[in-house]
Amino acid sequence: MTVAADAIERFISRWQAAGGSERANYQLFIGELTELLGLPRPDPARDDTRDNAYVFERRVRFRHGDDRPNCTMTP
C-alpha cells in the first residue's frame, strides 16, 4: 500500500503542533499512525493477559534469576 504524500503531510502537521504530555496523546497518535500506515489498531485489553498481545498498557513482569517477582509495570 502506498500512502499519499498529502496524508503524510497532514499527519506531520497535526502532530508537530501537539503540546501537552506524551501520556495524554500517545494512544491517539498511535491510532492515527496505524491508520495512516494501513495497519490494524491495537485491540481492547482483556482480563486474561495472555490475550493481550497487541494492546495499550500491556503488563510486563520482570523476574530475578531465582524467579522472585521484581516488579510489575505498565508502559
C-alpha atoms as a PDB file:
ATOM      1  CA  MET A   1       0.000   0.000   0.000  1.00  0.00           C
ATOM      2  CA  THR A   2       1.253   3.454  -0.861  1.00  0.00           C
ATOM      3  CA  VAL A   3       0.356   6.296   1.479  1.00  0.00           C
ATOM      4  CA  ALA A   4      -0.476   9.564  -0.264  1.00  0.00           C
ATOM      5  CA  ALA A   5       2.055  12.319   0.358  1.00  0.00           C
ATOM      6  CA  ASP A   6      -0.705  14.761   1.332  1.00  0.00           C
ATOM      7  CA  ALA A   7      -1.961  12.354   4.034  1.00  0.00           C
ATOM      8  CA  ILE A   8       1.569  12.098   5.436  1.00  0.00           C
ATOM      9  CA  GLU A   9       1.959  15.883   5.417  1.00  0.00           C
ATOM     10  CA  ARG A  10      -1.383  16.357   7.218  1.00  0.00           C
ATOM     11  CA  PHE A  11      -0.342  13.821   9.853  1.00  0.00           C
ATOM     12  CA  ILE A  12       3.026  15.502  10.407  1.00  0.00           C
ATOM     13  CA  SER A  13       1.482  18.978  10.567  1.00  0.00           C
ATOM     14  CA  ARG A  14      -1.147  17.842  13.043  1.00  0.00           C
ATOM     15  CA  TRP A  15       1.367  16.223  15.389  1.00  0.00           C
ATOM     16  CA  GLN A  16       4.105  18.847  15.108  1.00  0.00           C
ATOM     17  CA  ALA A  17       1.702  21.292  16.732  1.00  0.00           C
ATOM     18  CA  ALA A  18       0.881  18.905  19.590  1.00  0.00           C
ATOM     19  CA  GLY A  19       1.820  20.120  23.029  1.00  0.00           C
ATOM     20  CA  GLY A  20       0.872  18.646  26.332  1.00  0.00           C
ATOM     21  CA  SER A  21       2.211  15.489  27.802  1.00  0.00           C
ATOM     22  CA  GLU A  22       3.136  12.394  25.838  1.00  0.00           C
ATOM     23  CA  ARG A  23       0.911  10.227  28.026  1.00  0.00           C
ATOM     24  CA  ALA A  24      -2.082  12.377  27.186  1.00  0.00           C
ATOM     25  CA  ASN A  25      -1.603  11.939  23.424  1.00  0.00           C
ATOM     26  CA  TYR A  26       0.141   8.653  22.754  1.00  0.00           C
ATOM     27  CA  GLN A  27      -2.930   6.455  22.194  1.00  0.00           C
ATOM     28  CA  LEU A  28      -4.471   8.924  19.770  1.00  0.00           C
ATOM     29  CA  PHE A  29      -1.097   9.306  17.991  1.00  0.00           C
ATOM     30  CA  ILE A  30      -0.627   5.535  17.654  1.00  0.00           C
ATOM     31  CA  GLY A  31      -4.212   5.072  16.458  1.00  0.00           C
ATOM     32  CA  GLU A  32      -3.792   7.698  13.758  1.00  0.00           C
ATOM     33  CA  LEU A  33      -0.340   6.398  12.787  1.00  0.00           C
ATOM     34  CA  THR A  34      -1.568   2.821  12.383  1.00  0.00           C
ATOM     35  CA  GLU A  35      -4.469   4.104  10.280  1.00  0.00           C
ATOM     36  CA  LEU A  36      -2.087   6.131   8.116  1.00  0.00           C
ATOM     37  CA  LEU A  37       0.098   3.049   7.583  1.00  0.00           C
ATOM     38  CA  GLY A  38      -2.893   0.806   6.860  1.00  0.00           C
ATOM     39  CA  LEU A  39      -2.255  -1.345   9.938  1.00  0.00           C
ATOM     40  CA  PRO A  40      -4.817  -2.621  12.442  1.00  0.00           C
ATOM     41  CA  ARG A  41      -5.362  -0.585  15.589  1.00  0.00           C
ATOM     42  CA  PRO A  42      -4.429  -2.164  18.933  1.00  0.00           C
ATOM     43  CA  ASP A  43      -7.080  -4.395  20.466  1.00  0.00           C
ATOM     44  CA  PRO A  44      -9.011  -3.652  23.660  1.00  0.00           C
ATOM     45  CA  ALA A  45      -7.286  -5.132  26.721  1.00  0.00           C
ATOM     46  CA  ARG A  46      -8.845  -8.267  28.225  1.00  0.00           C
ATOM     47  CA  ASP A  47      -8.882  -9.635  31.764  1.00  0.00           C
ATOM     48  CA  ASP A  48      -6.841 -12.668  30.710  1.00  0.00           C
ATOM     49  CA  THR A  49      -3.491 -11.022  29.945  1.00  0.00           C
ATOM     50  CA  ARG A  50      -2.481 -13.947  27.711  1.00  0.00           C
ATOM     51  CA  ASP A  51      -4.936 -12.494  25.176  1.00  0.00           C
ATOM     52  CA  ASN A  52      -3.329  -9.045  25.279  1.00  0.00           C
ATOM     53  CA  ALA A  53      -0.742  -9.426  22.544  1.00  0.00           C
ATOM     54  CA  TYR A  54      -1.500  -6.148  20.733  1.00  0.00           C
ATOM     55  CA  VAL A  55      -2.902  -3.676  23.260  1.00  0.00           C
ATOM     56  CA  PHE A  56      -2.020  -0.437  25.025  1.00  0.00           C
ATOM     57  CA  GLU A  57      -0.684  -0.770  28.572  1.00  0.00           C
ATOM     58  CA  ARG A  58       0.441  -4.398  28.292  1.00  0.00           C
ATOM     59  CA  ARG A  59       1.637  -5.720  31.630  1.00  0.00           C
ATOM     60  CA  VAL A  60       5.332  -6.547  31.794  1.00  0.00           C
ATOM     61  CA  ARG A  61       6.712  -8.697  34.615  1.00  0.00           C
ATOM     62  CA  PHE A  62      10.393  -8.693  35.474  1.00  0.00           C
ATOM     63  CA  ARG A  63      11.822 -11.565  37.485  1.00  0.00           C
ATOM     64  CA  HIS A  64      15.079 -12.240  39.298  1.00  0.00           C
ATOM     65  CA  GLY A  65      17.085 -15.275  38.294  1.00  0.00           C
ATOM     66  CA  ASP A  66      15.537 -17.238  41.183  1.00  0.00           C
ATOM     67  CA  ASP A  67      12.023 -16.494  39.793  1.00  0.00           C
ATOM     68  CA  ARG A  68      11.090 -13.975  42.528  1.00  0.00           C
ATOM     69  CA  PRO A  69       8.953 -11.164  41.151  1.00  0.00           C
ATOM     70  CA  ASN A  70      10.917  -7.936  40.835  1.00  0.00           C
ATOM     71  CA  CYS A  71       8.243  -5.512  39.744  1.00  0.00           C
ATOM     72  CA  THR A  72       5.271  -5.134  37.501  1.00  0.00           C
ATOM     73  CA  MET A  73       4.953  -2.165  35.234  1.00  0.00           C
ATOM     74  CA  THR A  74       2.687  -0.946  32.503  1.00  0.00           C
ATOM     75  CA  PRO A  75       4.473   1.146  29.901  1.00  0.00           C
END
